Amino acid sequence: MVLEYAEHGSLRNYLGKSYDKLGWEDKLNDLCWIALGPARVHGKELIHRDLHNAPYHDVSHDESLAIKICLGLRPRFNIEVPQLIVHLIKRCLDENPLKRPTADEIANILCSWYVEFNSQMELKQKIKESKEINNKILGDSSISSTSSPLSYKTHSRAIYTSRLINFNNLPESKNSDDYYNLYDDIISKEYSSN
């Protein structure tokens, strides 16, 4: 696949520098366009690889991590995430693939949020409420401005290329809600007031 030249480098670099400066209308627009890419690839009955973010960046990607994921471990975020997006993320991380939204559904949801942003007071209210909830979780000071929430050191055995993994005797998968219910929510404990 040939990708368009990115003037500001990778998406991670761009967000690392601009995340706090972008409003939610911009973020929803970006999410809409990002979601349309895989939806179009899937619509052509093609597959892709290595188009993912970096969850579990601080641990080795090995059998131990696979077991924890089967037991319900899910990625956490150290950035402010509106609850309506958190609910979509939780659906995407459901252990049952049949309950996960399709690429088309994700693109439709994100694009409708963007299109409705200025006309839907309810959507703006949900984002405002989410910001208030996150401020309680993260604290009024939010994330420290001295370091980007997207900059981190990756574990030497965290591998982000597609590969066949053959682990035997993995436990039965648990739904992500078990993990979130047990550990408050999707926001990192590092940034939680609890």
N, C-alpha and C. Protein backbone atom coordinates (compact mmCIF):
# COMPACT_ATOMS: atom_id res chain seq x y z
N MET A 1 0.85 -1.17 0.00
CA MET A 1 0.00 0.00 0.00
C MET A 1 0.90 1.23 0.00
N VAL A 2 0.56 2.19 -0.78
CA VAL A 2 1.31 3.43 -0.82
C VAL A 2 0.53 4.46 -0.02
N LEU A 3 1.19 5.06 0.95
CA LEU A 3 0.54 6.04 1.80
C LEU A 3 0.92 7.45 1.37
N GLU A 4 0.03 8.36 1.61
CA GLU A 4 0.27 9.76 1.30
C GLU A 4 1.40 10.29 2.19
N TYR A 5 2.22 11.17 1.64
CA TYR A 5 3.31 11.77 2.40
C TYR A 5 2.74 12.56 3.56
N ALA A 6 3.26 12.33 4.74
CA ALA A 6 2.80 13.02 5.94
C ALA A 6 3.78 14.12 6.29
N GLU A 7 3.36 15.34 6.09
CA GLU A 7 4.23 16.50 6.29
C GLU A 7 4.81 16.57 7.70
N HIS A 8 4.03 16.16 8.70
CA HIS A 8 4.47 16.26 10.10
C HIS A 8 4.97 14.93 10.65
N GLY A 9 5.30 13.99 9.80
CA GLY A 9 5.79 12.68 10.25
C GLY A 9 4.63 11.75 10.55
N SER A 10 4.87 10.79 11.41
CA SER A 10 3.85 9.80 11.72
C SER A 10 2.70 10.42 12.51
N LEU A 11 1.59 9.71 12.54
CA LEU A 11 0.44 10.16 13.31
C LEU A 11 0.82 10.31 14.78
N ARG A 12 1.59 9.36 15.29
CA ARG A 12 2.02 9.43 16.69
C ARG A 12 2.85 10.69 16.95
N ASN A 13 3.77 11.03 16.03
CA ASN A 13 4.57 12.26 16.18
C ASN A 13 3.68 13.50 16.15
N TYR A 14 2.76 13.52 15.20
CA TYR A 14 1.84 14.66 15.07
C TYR A 14 1.00 14.84 16.33
N LEU A 15 0.41 13.76 16.81
CA LEU A 15 -0.42 13.85 18.01
C LEU A 15 0.41 14.18 19.24
N GLY A 16 1.64 13.66 19.28
CA GLY A 16 2.51 13.97 20.40
C GLY A 16 2.76 15.46 20.54
N LYS A 17 2.82 16.14 19.41
CA LYS A 17 3.08 17.58 19.42
C LYS A 17 1.79 18.40 19.48
N SER A 18 0.68 17.86 18.96
CA SER A 18 -0.52 18.68 18.75
C SER A 18 -1.75 18.24 19.53
N TYR A 19 -1.70 17.15 20.25
CA TYR A 19 -2.92 16.59 20.86
C TYR A 19 -3.68 17.63 21.69
N ASP A 20 -2.99 18.33 22.57
CA ASP A 20 -3.65 19.30 23.44
C ASP A 20 -4.15 20.53 22.69
N LYS A 21 -3.61 20.79 21.51
CA LYS A 21 -4.00 21.97 20.73
C LYS A 21 -5.22 21.69 19.86
N LEU A 22 -5.51 20.43 19.60
CA LEU A 22 -6.63 20.07 18.72
C LEU A 22 -7.94 20.04 19.51
N GLY A 23 -8.99 20.61 18.93
CA GLY A 23 -10.31 20.51 19.52
C GLY A 23 -10.94 19.18 19.13
N TRP A 24 -12.06 18.85 19.79
CA TRP A 24 -12.68 17.56 19.48
C TRP A 24 -13.28 17.50 18.09
N GLU A 25 -13.63 18.62 17.52
CA GLU A 25 -14.11 18.60 16.13
C GLU A 25 -12.98 18.13 15.21
N ASP A 26 -11.76 18.64 15.43
CA ASP A 26 -10.61 18.22 14.63
C ASP A 26 -10.29 16.75 14.88
N LYS A 27 -10.33 16.33 16.13
CA LYS A 27 -10.01 14.94 16.46
C LYS A 27 -11.02 13.99 15.84
N LEU A 28 -12.31 14.36 15.87
CA LEU A 28 -13.33 13.50 15.25
C LEU A 28 -13.15 13.44 13.74
N ASN A 29 -12.79 14.57 13.12
CA ASN A 29 -12.51 14.59 11.69
C ASN A 29 -11.36 13.65 11.35
N ASP A 30 -10.27 13.75 12.13
CA ASP A 30 -9.12 12.88 11.90
C ASP A 30 -9.49 11.41 12.10
N LEU A 31 -10.23 11.12 13.17
CA LEU A 31 -10.65 9.73 13.42
C LEU A 31 -11.52 9.20 12.28
N CYS A 32 -12.40 10.04 11.77
CA CYS A 32 -13.25 9.65 10.64
C CYS A 32 -12.39 9.23 9.45
N TRP A 33 -11.42 10.07 9.08
CA TRP A 33 -10.56 9.77 7.92
C TRP A 33 -9.68 8.55 8.17
N ILE A 34 -9.20 8.42 9.40
CA ILE A 34 -8.38 7.24 9.73
C ILE A 34 -9.21 5.97 9.62
N ALA A 35 -10.45 6.01 10.09
CA ALA A 35 -11.32 4.83 10.05
C ALA A 35 -11.74 4.47 8.63
N LEU A 36 -11.85 5.46 7.76
CA LEU A 36 -12.26 5.19 6.38
C LEU A 36 -11.24 4.35 5.63
N GLY A 37 -9.95 4.49 5.97
CA GLY A 37 -8.90 3.73 5.28
C GLY A 37 -9.09 2.23 5.41
N PRO A 38 -9.09 1.67 6.63
CA PRO A 38 -9.31 0.22 6.78
C PRO A 38 -10.69 -0.22 6.26
N ALA A 39 -11.70 0.63 6.40
CA ALA A 39 -13.03 0.27 5.89
C ALA A 39 -12.97 0.08 4.38
N ARG A 40 -12.25 0.94 3.68
CA ARG A 40 -12.12 0.81 2.23
C ARG A 40 -11.30 -0.42 1.85
N VAL A 41 -10.23 -0.67 2.62
CA VAL A 41 -9.41 -1.86 2.36
C VAL A 41 -10.26 -3.11 2.54
N HIS A 42 -11.01 -3.18 3.64
CA HIS A 42 -11.87 -4.35 3.89
C HIS A 42 -12.97 -4.46 2.85
N GLY A 43 -13.48 -3.30 2.40
CA GLY A 43 -14.53 -3.29 1.37
C GLY A 43 -14.06 -3.89 0.05
N LYS A 44 -12.78 -3.84 -0.22
CA LYS A 44 -12.20 -4.44 -1.43
C LYS A 44 -11.79 -5.89 -1.20
N GLU A 45 -12.16 -6.43 -0.02
CA GLU A 45 -11.82 -7.79 0.38
C GLU A 45 -10.30 -8.02 0.40
N LEU A 46 -9.58 -6.97 0.79
CA LEU A 46 -8.15 -7.07 0.97
C LEU A 46 -7.84 -7.12 2.46
N ILE A 47 -6.64 -7.54 2.77
CA ILE A 47 -6.22 -7.52 4.16
C ILE A 47 -5.05 -6.57 4.29
N HIS A 48 -4.82 -6.13 5.50
CA HIS A 48 -3.69 -5.24 5.75
C HIS A 48 -2.92 -5.80 6.93
N ARG A 49 -1.74 -5.28 7.12
CA ARG A 49 -0.96 -5.68 8.28
C ARG A 49 -0.22 -4.46 8.81
N ASP A 50 0.12 -4.53 10.07
CA ASP A 50 0.93 -3.51 10.71
C ASP A 50 0.32 -2.11 10.69
N LEU A 51 -1.02 -2.02 10.64
CA LEU A 51 -1.69 -0.74 10.76
C LEU A 51 -2.32 -0.66 12.14
N HIS A 52 -1.48 -0.48 13.15
CA HIS A 52 -2.02 -0.44 14.51
C HIS A 52 -1.24 0.53 15.37
N ASN A 53 -1.89 0.90 16.50
CA ASN A 53 -1.20 1.74 17.48
C ASN A 53 -0.35 0.86 18.36
N ALA A 54 0.19 1.40 19.45
CA ALA A 54 1.17 0.65 20.24
C ALA A 54 0.66 0.32 21.64
N PRO A 55 -0.33 -0.58 21.76
CA PRO A 55 -0.74 -0.98 23.11
C PRO A 55 0.33 -1.87 23.73
N TYR A 56 0.33 -1.91 25.04
CA TYR A 56 1.27 -2.75 25.79
C TYR A 56 2.72 -2.45 25.41
N HIS A 57 3.02 -1.18 25.23
CA HIS A 57 4.37 -0.77 24.79
C HIS A 57 5.44 -1.03 25.84
N ASP A 58 5.02 -1.18 27.10
CA ASP A 58 6.01 -1.26 28.18
C ASP A 58 6.26 -2.67 28.69
N VAL A 59 5.74 -3.67 27.98
CA VAL A 59 5.95 -5.06 28.40
C VAL A 59 6.38 -5.91 27.21
N SER A 60 6.97 -7.05 27.50
CA SER A 60 7.37 -7.99 26.46
C SER A 60 6.13 -8.62 25.84
N HIS A 61 6.13 -8.74 24.53
CA HIS A 61 5.02 -9.38 23.82
C HIS A 61 5.30 -10.87 23.75
N ASP A 62 4.86 -11.57 24.78
CA ASP A 62 5.16 -12.99 24.90
C ASP A 62 3.94 -13.74 25.42
N GLU A 63 4.12 -15.00 25.79
CA GLU A 63 3.01 -15.83 26.25
C GLU A 63 2.37 -15.26 27.51
N SER A 64 3.15 -14.67 28.39
CA SER A 64 2.61 -14.07 29.61
C SER A 64 1.61 -12.96 29.28
N LEU A 65 1.93 -12.13 28.32
CA LEU A 65 1.00 -11.07 27.89
C LEU A 65 -0.24 -11.69 27.26
N ALA A 66 -0.06 -12.72 26.44
CA ALA A 66 -1.20 -13.39 25.81
C ALA A 66 -2.17 -13.92 26.87
N ILE A 67 -1.64 -14.51 27.93
CA ILE A 67 -2.48 -15.03 29.01
C ILE A 67 -3.23 -13.89 29.69
N LYS A 68 -2.54 -12.79 29.97
CA LYS A 68 -3.19 -11.64 30.61
C LYS A 68 -4.30 -11.07 29.73
N ILE A 69 -4.07 -11.02 28.43
CA ILE A 69 -5.11 -10.53 27.52
C ILE A 69 -6.31 -11.46 27.53
N CYS A 70 -6.05 -12.78 27.53
CA CYS A 70 -7.16 -13.75 27.62
C CYS A 70 -7.95 -13.57 28.91
N LEU A 71 -7.25 -13.19 29.98
CA LEU A 71 -7.91 -13.00 31.27
C LEU A 71 -8.59 -11.64 31.39
N GLY A 72 -8.49 -10.82 30.34
CA GLY A 72 -9.23 -9.56 30.31
C GLY A 72 -8.40 -8.30 30.29
N LEU A 73 -7.08 -8.40 30.30
CA LEU A 73 -6.25 -7.20 30.23
C LEU A 73 -6.53 -6.46 28.93
N ARG A 74 -6.75 -5.18 29.03
CA ARG A 74 -6.95 -4.35 27.85
C ARG A 74 -6.10 -3.10 27.97
N PRO A 75 -5.77 -2.46 26.85
CA PRO A 75 -4.96 -1.23 26.89
C PRO A 75 -5.65 -0.15 27.70
N ARG A 76 -4.84 0.67 28.33
CA ARG A 76 -5.33 1.83 29.07
C ARG A 76 -4.80 3.08 28.38
N PHE A 77 -5.43 4.21 28.68
CA PHE A 77 -5.04 5.47 28.06
C PHE A 77 -4.61 6.45 29.13
N ASN A 78 -3.56 7.20 28.86
CA ASN A 78 -3.13 8.25 29.79
C ASN A 78 -3.44 9.62 29.21
N ILE A 79 -4.46 9.64 28.35
CA ILE A 79 -4.92 10.89 27.76
C ILE A 79 -6.42 10.98 27.99
N GLU A 80 -6.94 12.18 27.88
CA GLU A 80 -8.37 12.39 28.04
C GLU A 80 -9.11 11.77 26.86
N VAL A 81 -10.07 10.91 27.16
CA VAL A 81 -10.86 10.25 26.13
C VAL A 81 -12.33 10.39 26.50
N PRO A 82 -13.15 11.07 25.67
CA PRO A 82 -14.58 11.18 25.98
C PRO A 82 -15.22 9.81 26.12
N GLN A 83 -16.18 9.70 27.04
CA GLN A 83 -16.81 8.43 27.33
C GLN A 83 -17.48 7.80 26.11
N LEU A 84 -18.05 8.61 25.21
CA LEU A 84 -18.68 8.00 24.03
C LEU A 84 -17.64 7.29 23.18
N ILE A 85 -16.40 7.79 23.15
CA ILE A 85 -15.33 7.10 22.43
C ILE A 85 -14.86 5.89 23.23
N VAL A 86 -14.82 6.03 24.56
CA VAL A 86 -14.46 4.89 25.42
C VAL A 86 -15.40 3.72 25.17
N HIS A 87 -16.71 4.01 25.05
CA HIS A 87 -17.67 2.93 24.81
C HIS A 87 -17.43 2.26 23.46
N LEU A 88 -17.07 3.04 22.44
CA LEU A 88 -16.74 2.46 21.14
C LEU A 88 -15.47 1.61 21.24
N ILE A 89 -14.47 2.11 21.96
CA ILE A 89 -13.23 1.35 22.15
C ILE A 89 -13.52 0.03 22.83
N LYS A 90 -14.35 0.05 23.88
CA LYS A 90 -14.69 -1.18 24.59
C LYS A 90 -15.36 -2.19 23.66
N ARG A 91 -16.22 -1.69 22.78
CA ARG A 91 -16.86 -2.60 21.80
C ARG A 91 -15.81 -3.21 20.88
N CYS A 92 -14.84 -2.41 20.46
CA CYS A 92 -13.79 -2.90 19.56
C CYS A 92 -12.90 -3.94 20.24
N LEU A 93 -12.79 -3.87 21.56
CA LEU A 93 -11.92 -4.78 22.30
C LEU A 93 -12.67 -5.97 22.89
N ASP A 94 -13.93 -6.15 22.53
CA ASP A 94 -14.72 -7.26 23.06
C ASP A 94 -14.06 -8.58 22.70
N GLU A 95 -14.04 -9.51 23.65
CA GLU A 95 -13.38 -10.80 23.39
C GLU A 95 -14.11 -11.60 22.33
N ASN A 96 -15.39 -11.34 22.15
CA ASN A 96 -16.17 -12.04 21.13
C ASN A 96 -16.12 -11.24 19.83
N PRO A 97 -15.43 -11.76 18.81
CA PRO A 97 -15.30 -11.00 17.55
C PRO A 97 -16.64 -10.65 16.92
N LEU A 98 -17.67 -11.45 17.17
CA LEU A 98 -18.98 -11.17 16.59
C LEU A 98 -19.65 -9.95 17.22
N LYS A 99 -19.20 -9.54 18.39
CA LYS A 99 -19.75 -8.36 19.05
C LYS A 99 -18.98 -7.09 18.71
N ARG A 100 -17.83 -7.24 18.05
CA ARG A 100 -17.03 -6.08 17.68
C ARG A 100 -17.65 -5.40 16.46
N PRO A 101 -17.60 -4.07 16.40
CA PRO A 101 -18.12 -3.38 15.21
C PRO A 101 -17.22 -3.64 14.01
N THR A 102 -17.81 -3.62 12.83
CA THR A 102 -17.03 -3.77 11.61
C THR A 102 -16.29 -2.47 11.33
N ALA A 103 -15.33 -2.54 10.41
CA ALA A 103 -14.61 -1.33 10.01
C ALA A 103 -15.57 -0.29 9.45
N ASP A 104 -16.56 -0.75 8.66
CA ASP A 104 -17.56 0.18 8.11
C ASP A 104 -18.37 0.84 9.23
N GLU A 105 -18.78 0.04 10.22
CA GLU A 105 -19.57 0.58 11.31
C GLU A 105 -18.77 1.62 12.11
N ILE A 106 -17.50 1.32 12.36
CA ILE A 106 -16.64 2.27 13.08
C ILE A 106 -16.52 3.57 12.29
N ALA A 107 -16.26 3.46 10.99
CA ALA A 107 -16.14 4.64 10.14
C ALA A 107 -17.45 5.44 10.15
N ASN A 108 -18.58 4.75 10.04
CA ASN A 108 -19.88 5.43 10.04
C ASN A 108 -20.14 6.16 11.35
N ILE A 109 -19.83 5.52 12.46
CA ILE A 109 -20.04 6.14 13.78
C ILE A 109 -19.16 7.38 13.91
N LEU A 110 -17.87 7.24 13.63
CA LEU A 110 -16.95 8.36 13.80
C LEU A 110 -17.28 9.51 12.85
N CYS A 111 -17.61 9.18 11.61
CA CYS A 111 -17.93 10.23 10.64
C CYS A 111 -19.24 10.93 10.99
N SER A 112 -20.22 10.17 11.51
CA SER A 112 -21.48 10.81 11.91
C SER A 112 -21.25 11.73 13.10
N TRP A 113 -20.38 11.34 14.03
CA TRP A 113 -20.06 12.24 15.15
C TRP A 113 -19.44 13.53 14.64
N TYR A 114 -18.55 13.40 13.66
CA TYR A 114 -17.91 14.60 13.11
C TYR A 114 -18.94 15.48 12.39
N VAL A 115 -19.75 14.88 11.52
CA VAL A 115 -20.73 15.64 10.75
C VAL A 115 -21.74 16.31 11.68
N GLU A 116 -22.13 15.62 12.74
CA GLU A 116 -23.14 16.14 13.66
C GLU A 116 -22.56 17.07 14.72
N PHE A 117 -21.25 17.22 14.76
CA PHE A 117 -20.61 17.94 15.86
C PHE A 117 -21.19 19.33 16.07
N ASN A 118 -21.29 20.11 15.01
CA ASN A 118 -21.78 21.49 15.16
C ASN A 118 -23.29 21.59 15.30
N SER A 119 -24.03 20.62 14.78
CA SER A 119 -25.49 20.71 14.84
C SER A 119 -26.10 19.94 16.00
N GLN A 120 -25.35 19.05 16.59
CA GLN A 120 -25.89 18.22 17.66
C GLN A 120 -25.42 18.71 19.02
N MET A 121 -26.28 19.40 19.69
CA MET A 121 -25.94 19.86 21.04
C MET A 121 -25.75 18.67 21.98
N GLU A 122 -26.50 17.58 21.72
CA GLU A 122 -26.37 16.39 22.56
C GLU A 122 -24.96 15.82 22.49
N LEU A 123 -24.38 15.78 21.30
CA LEU A 123 -23.02 15.27 21.13
C LEU A 123 -22.03 16.17 21.86
N LYS A 124 -22.18 17.49 21.70
CA LYS A 124 -21.29 18.41 22.41
C LYS A 124 -21.45 18.26 23.91
N GLN A 125 -22.69 18.05 24.36
CA GLN A 125 -22.93 17.87 25.79
C GLN A 125 -22.26 16.59 26.29
N LYS A 126 -22.32 15.52 25.50
CA LYS A 126 -21.67 14.26 25.89
C LYS A 126 -20.15 14.45 26.00
N ILE A 127 -19.58 15.20 25.05
CA ILE A 127 -18.14 15.46 25.10
C ILE A 127 -17.82 16.32 26.31
N LYS A 128 -18.66 17.32 26.59
CA LYS A 128 -18.44 18.17 27.76
C LYS A 128 -18.53 17.35 29.05
N GLU A 129 -19.55 16.49 29.14
CA GLU A 129 -19.69 15.64 30.32
C GLU A 129 -18.50 14.70 30.46
N SER A 130 -18.05 14.16 29.34
CA SER A 130 -16.88 13.28 29.35
C SER A 130 -15.65 14.02 29.84
N LYS A 131 -15.51 15.25 29.39
CA LYS A 131 -14.36 16.06 29.84
C LYS A 131 -14.42 16.27 31.35
N GLU A 132 -15.63 16.52 31.87
CA GLU A 132 -15.79 16.70 33.32
C GLU A 132 -15.46 15.41 34.08
N ILE A 133 -15.94 14.29 33.55
CA ILE A 133 -15.66 12.99 34.18
C ILE A 133 -14.16 12.73 34.16
N ASN A 134 -13.55 12.95 33.00
CA ASN A 134 -12.11 12.72 32.87
C ASN A 134 -11.31 13.66 33.76
N ASN A 135 -11.79 14.91 33.92
CA ASN A 135 -11.09 15.84 34.80
C ASN A 135 -11.11 15.33 36.24
N LYS A 136 -12.22 14.70 36.64
CA LYS A 136 -12.28 14.12 37.98
C LYS A 136 -11.31 12.95 38.10
N ILE A 137 -11.24 12.15 37.04
CA ILE A 137 -10.35 10.98 37.05
C ILE A 137 -8.89 11.43 36.97
N LEU A 138 -8.62 12.34 36.04
CA LEU A 138 -7.23 12.76 35.79
C LEU A 138 -6.77 13.89 36.70
N GLY A 139 -7.73 14.56 37.33
CA GLY A 139 -7.38 15.73 38.14
C GLY A 139 -7.55 16.98 37.30
N ASP A 140 -7.81 18.08 37.95
CA ASP A 140 -8.07 19.33 37.22
C ASP A 140 -6.89 19.78 36.39
N SER A 141 -5.69 19.38 36.75
CA SER A 141 -4.51 19.80 36.01
C SER A 141 -4.33 19.02 34.72
N SER A 142 -5.12 17.94 34.57
CA SER A 142 -5.04 17.06 33.40
C SER A 142 -3.64 16.50 33.27
N ILE A 143 -3.19 16.27 32.07
CA ILE A 143 -1.89 15.66 31.84
C ILE A 143 -0.81 16.72 31.91
N SER A 144 0.30 16.35 32.47
CA SER A 144 1.42 17.28 32.55
C SER A 144 1.82 17.75 31.17
N SER A 145 1.97 19.04 31.02
CA SER A 145 2.32 19.57 29.70
C SER A 145 3.81 19.42 29.39
N THR A 146 4.59 18.95 30.37
CA THR A 146 6.03 18.82 30.13
C THR A 146 6.37 17.61 29.28
N SER A 147 5.48 16.61 29.27
CA SER A 147 5.76 15.45 28.43
C SER A 147 4.50 15.06 27.69
N SER A 148 4.67 14.65 26.48
CA SER A 148 3.53 14.26 25.66
C SER A 148 2.96 12.95 26.16
N PRO A 149 1.62 12.83 26.20
CA PRO A 149 1.02 11.57 26.61
C PRO A 149 1.27 10.45 25.60
N LEU A 150 1.75 10.80 24.42
CA LEU A 150 2.00 9.79 23.39
C LEU A 150 3.49 9.49 23.22
N SER A 151 4.32 10.07 24.05
CA SER A 151 5.74 9.75 23.96
C SER A 151 6.10 8.82 25.10
N TYR A 152 6.77 7.75 24.78
CA TYR A 152 7.13 6.73 25.76
C TYR A 152 8.23 5.88 25.19
N LYS A 153 8.85 5.13 26.07
CA LYS A 153 9.90 4.21 25.64
C LYS A 153 9.27 2.83 25.44
N THR A 154 9.53 2.21 24.32
CA THR A 154 8.98 0.90 24.00
C THR A 154 9.90 -0.19 24.53
N HIS A 155 9.30 -1.19 25.15
CA HIS A 155 10.04 -2.35 25.66
C HIS A 155 10.78 -3.02 24.50
N SER A 156 11.96 -3.51 24.76
CA SER A 156 12.79 -4.10 23.70
C SER A 156 12.14 -5.35 23.08
N ARG A 157 11.23 -6.01 23.80
CA ARG A 157 10.57 -7.19 23.25
C ARG A 157 9.10 -6.94 22.93
N ALA A 158 8.75 -5.68 22.72
CA ALA A 158 7.41 -5.32 22.25
C ALA A 158 7.49 -5.24 20.73
N ILE A 159 6.83 -6.15 20.04
CA ILE A 159 6.98 -6.29 18.59
C ILE A 159 5.68 -5.89 17.91
N TYR A 160 5.76 -4.94 17.00
CA TYR A 160 4.58 -4.42 16.33
C TYR A 160 4.57 -4.72 14.83
N THR A 161 4.99 -5.89 14.48
CA THR A 161 4.83 -6.36 13.11
C THR A 161 4.02 -7.64 13.17
N SER A 162 3.27 -7.90 12.12
CA SER A 162 2.44 -9.10 12.10
C SER A 162 3.32 -10.34 12.11
N ARG A 163 2.92 -11.31 12.89
CA ARG A 163 3.67 -12.57 12.96
C ARG A 163 2.76 -13.65 13.51
N LEU A 164 3.07 -14.88 13.20
CA LEU A 164 2.31 -16.02 13.70
C LEU A 164 2.78 -16.32 15.11
N ILE A 165 1.84 -16.38 16.03
CA ILE A 165 2.15 -16.70 17.42
C ILE A 165 1.44 -18.00 17.76
N ASN A 166 2.17 -18.95 18.25
CA ASN A 166 1.59 -20.25 18.57
C ASN A 166 1.82 -20.55 20.05
N PHE A 167 0.86 -20.17 20.88
CA PHE A 167 0.93 -20.48 22.30
C PHE A 167 -0.07 -21.58 22.60
N ASN A 168 0.32 -22.54 23.39
CA ASN A 168 -0.57 -23.63 23.77
C ASN A 168 -1.17 -23.35 25.14
N ASN A 169 -2.34 -23.93 25.38
CA ASN A 169 -2.98 -23.90 26.69
C ASN A 169 -3.29 -22.50 27.20
N LEU A 170 -3.72 -21.61 26.33
CA LEU A 170 -4.15 -20.29 26.79
C LEU A 170 -5.50 -20.43 27.49
N PRO A 171 -5.76 -19.63 28.52
CA PRO A 171 -7.04 -19.72 29.21
C PRO A 171 -8.17 -19.22 28.31
N GLU A 172 -9.39 -19.56 28.69
CA GLU A 172 -10.56 -19.09 27.94
C GLU A 172 -10.63 -17.57 28.05
N SER A 173 -10.96 -16.93 26.94
CA SER A 173 -11.01 -15.46 26.90
C SER A 173 -12.13 -14.93 27.78
N LYS A 174 -11.86 -13.77 28.40
CA LYS A 174 -12.86 -13.04 29.17
C LYS A 174 -13.15 -11.75 28.45
N ASN A 175 -14.36 -11.26 28.65
CA ASN A 175 -14.74 -10.00 28.04
C ASN A 175 -14.00 -8.84 28.69
N SER A 176 -13.78 -7.82 27.92
CA SER A 176 -13.04 -6.65 28.41
C SER A 176 -13.74 -5.96 29.57
N ASP A 177 -15.09 -6.04 29.63
CA ASP A 177 -15.80 -5.38 30.71
C ASP A 177 -15.37 -5.90 32.07
N ASP A 178 -14.99 -7.19 32.14
CA ASP A 178 -14.49 -7.73 33.40
C ASP A 178 -13.29 -6.93 33.87
N TYR A 179 -12.41 -6.64 32.95
CA TYR A 179 -11.19 -5.90 33.29
C TYR A 179 -11.51 -4.47 33.69
N TYR A 180 -12.37 -3.81 32.89
CA TYR A 180 -12.69 -2.42 33.19
C TYR A 180 -13.46 -2.30 34.49
N ASN A 181 -14.39 -3.23 34.76
CA ASN A 181 -15.12 -3.18 36.02
C ASN A 181 -14.20 -3.39 37.20
N LEU A 182 -13.24 -4.28 37.06
CA LEU A 182 -12.31 -4.57 38.13
C LEU A 182 -11.34 -3.41 38.37
N TYR A 183 -10.95 -2.73 37.31
CA TYR A 183 -9.95 -1.67 37.40
C TYR A 183 -10.51 -0.30 37.02
N ASP A 184 -11.68 0.02 37.53
CA ASP A 184 -12.33 1.32 37.38
C ASP A 184 -12.75 1.64 35.96
N ASP A 185 -11.82 1.88 35.07
CA ASP A 185 -12.17 2.31 33.73
C ASP A 185 -10.95 2.20 32.83
N ILE A 186 -11.00 2.88 31.72
CA ILE A 186 -9.98 2.76 30.69
C ILE A 186 -8.83 3.74 30.90
N ILE A 187 -9.01 4.71 31.80
CA ILE A 187 -7.97 5.70 32.05
C ILE A 187 -6.90 5.11 32.95
N SER A 188 -5.67 5.33 32.62
CA SER A 188 -4.54 4.76 33.35
C SER A 188 -4.56 5.13 34.82
N LYS A 189 -4.27 4.17 35.68
CA LYS A 189 -4.21 4.43 37.12
C LYS A 189 -3.17 5.48 37.45
N GLU A 190 -2.14 5.57 36.63
CA GLU A 190 -1.10 6.57 36.86
C GLU A 190 -1.69 7.97 36.90
N TYR A 191 -2.77 8.18 36.14
CA TYR A 191 -3.40 9.48 36.07
C TYR A 191 -4.72 9.52 36.81
N SER A 192 -5.02 8.47 37.58
CA SER A 192 -6.26 8.41 38.34
C SER A 192 -6.04 8.98 39.73
N SER A 193 -7.07 9.60 40.28
CA SER A 193 -6.96 10.15 41.63
C SER A 193 -7.08 9.07 42.68
N ASN A 194 -7.52 7.88 42.28
CA ASN A 194 -7.65 6.75 43.24
C ASN A 194 -6.32 6.02 43.37
